[in-house]
């Protein structure tokens, strides 16, 4: 990154940072264009939450789902399926979408029984 600062200064460009620099150029944080939606479910049913996100690089996005603020182990895809819903599954679901250097949090989607 220091190289780019010197390069920008040497050619007279201002150092205005809109994101971070990767081998692919300056990147903004990921953008969520489809927020997860709250749902009502019955005991024993399956529920699926989805998030749609993009970034400005070919680098892959990473997903980390949470229930009531606690990370859900193994929940690392754009889709989260809760199978055989039980009372302990009710609550506030959200997802953090990250690339290599920036992240963004989704809106909360409530699962009610």
Protein backbone atom coordinates (compact mmCIF):
# COMPACT_ATOMS: atom_id res chain seq x y z
CA UNK A 1 0.00 0.00 0.00
CA UNK A 2 2.92 2.33 0.71
CA UNK A 3 4.00 1.87 -2.91
CA UNK A 4 0.62 3.14 -4.11
CA UNK A 5 0.78 6.19 -1.82
CA UNK A 6 4.15 7.15 -3.27
CA UNK A 7 2.92 6.46 -6.81
CA UNK A 8 -0.21 8.60 -6.33
CA UNK A 9 1.83 11.47 -4.87
CA UNK A 10 4.45 11.25 -7.64
CA UNK A 11 1.83 11.69 -10.36
CA UNK A 12 -0.11 14.34 -8.45
CA UNK A 13 -3.20 12.37 -7.44
CA UNK A 14 -4.89 13.14 -4.11
CA UNK A 15 -4.88 10.45 -1.44
CA UNK A 16 -8.63 10.01 -1.03
CA UNK A 17 -9.43 6.50 0.17
CA UNK A 18 -12.82 5.07 -0.74
CA UNK A 19 -11.83 1.58 0.25
CA UNK A 20 -8.63 -0.42 0.28
CA UNK A 21 -6.12 -1.45 -2.35
CA UNK A 22 -5.85 -5.01 -3.59
CA UNK A 23 -3.96 -6.37 -6.59
CA UNK A 24 -7.19 -5.59 -8.50
CA UNK A 25 -7.29 -1.89 -7.57
CA UNK A 26 -9.18 0.21 -5.04
CA UNK A 27 -12.24 -1.61 -3.67
CA UNK A 28 -15.22 -0.54 -1.63
CA UNK A 29 -16.76 -2.80 0.99
CA UNK A 30 -19.16 -5.54 -0.08
CA UNK A 31 -22.72 -4.46 -0.83
CA UNK A 32 -25.80 -6.34 0.34
CA UNK A 33 -28.51 -6.01 -2.32
CA UNK A 34 -30.88 -8.65 -0.87
CA UNK A 35 -31.43 -8.60 2.89
CA UNK A 36 -32.55 -11.70 4.82
CA UNK A 37 -36.28 -11.61 5.57
CA UNK A 38 -37.97 -12.46 8.87
CA UNK A 39 -40.18 -15.53 8.92
CA UNK A 40 -42.73 -17.34 11.03
CA UNK A 41 -42.35 -21.11 11.31
CA UNK A 42 -44.00 -24.04 12.99
CA UNK A 43 -42.19 -26.51 15.24
CA UNK A 44 -40.48 -29.19 13.15
CA UNK A 45 -40.52 -27.24 9.89
CA UNK A 46 -37.52 -25.99 7.88
CA UNK A 47 -36.72 -22.32 7.31
CA UNK A 48 -34.25 -20.78 4.87
CA UNK A 49 -32.68 -17.33 5.08
CA UNK A 50 -30.90 -15.81 2.07
CA UNK A 51 -28.62 -12.86 1.53
CA UNK A 52 -27.52 -11.40 -1.78
CA UNK A 53 -24.20 -9.57 -1.87
CA UNK A 54 -21.51 -8.48 -4.29
CA UNK A 55 -18.10 -6.87 -4.27
CA UNK A 56 -15.98 -5.10 -6.85
CA UNK A 57 -13.24 -7.72 -7.11
CA UNK A 58 -12.98 -11.34 -8.18
CA UNK A 59 -12.09 -12.20 -4.59
CA UNK A 60 -14.67 -14.49 -2.95
CA UNK A 61 -17.12 -13.24 -0.36
CA UNK A 62 -17.26 -14.87 3.08
CA UNK A 63 -20.47 -15.23 5.09
CA UNK A 64 -20.87 -15.58 8.86
CA UNK A 65 -24.42 -16.05 10.17
CA UNK A 66 -25.43 -15.17 13.73
CA UNK A 67 -28.36 -15.97 15.98
CA UNK A 68 -29.01 -13.33 18.66
CA UNK A 69 -25.48 -12.02 18.04
CA UNK A 70 -23.71 -15.37 18.53
CA UNK A 71 -21.85 -16.94 15.59
CA UNK A 72 -23.45 -20.08 14.20
CA UNK A 73 -20.75 -22.69 13.61
CA UNK A 74 -20.59 -23.89 10.02
CA UNK A 75 -23.05 -21.25 8.78
CA UNK A 76 -20.78 -19.76 6.11
CA UNK A 77 -22.85 -19.60 2.92
CA UNK A 78 -25.18 -17.04 1.38
CA UNK A 79 -28.07 -19.33 2.38
CA UNK A 80 -28.82 -20.54 5.90
CA UNK A 81 -31.29 -23.38 6.41
CA UNK A 82 -32.61 -24.11 9.88
CA UNK A 83 -33.95 -27.66 9.83
CA UNK A 84 -36.51 -29.07 12.26
CA UNK A 85 -37.15 -25.69 13.90
CA UNK A 86 -37.41 -25.80 17.69
CA UNK A 87 -38.07 -23.03 20.26
CA UNK A 88 -34.32 -22.51 20.70
CA UNK A 89 -34.07 -21.53 17.02
CA UNK A 90 -36.37 -18.53 17.44
CA UNK A 91 -34.64 -15.15 17.55
CA UNK A 92 -32.76 -12.57 15.52
CA UNK A 93 -30.68 -13.80 12.58
CA UNK A 94 -28.12 -11.68 10.76
CA UNK A 95 -25.13 -12.26 8.53
CA UNK A 96 -21.79 -10.52 8.11
CA UNK A 97 -20.53 -10.47 4.53
CA UNK A 98 -16.79 -9.94 4.15
CA UNK A 99 -14.15 -9.89 1.49
CA UNK A 100 -10.42 -9.45 1.98
CA UNK A 101 -10.36 -6.23 3.98
CA UNK A 102 -13.91 -4.99 4.52
CA UNK A 103 -17.22 -6.29 5.82
CA UNK A 104 -20.85 -5.27 6.11
CA UNK A 105 -23.66 -6.52 8.38
CA UNK A 106 -27.13 -7.39 7.17
CA UNK A 107 -30.39 -6.25 8.64
CA UNK A 108 -31.88 -8.49 11.33
CA UNK A 109 -34.35 -11.16 10.24
CA UNK A 110 -36.50 -12.48 13.08
CA UNK A 111 -37.60 -16.09 13.25
CA UNK A 112 -40.78 -16.45 15.28
CA UNK A 113 -42.75 -19.56 16.16
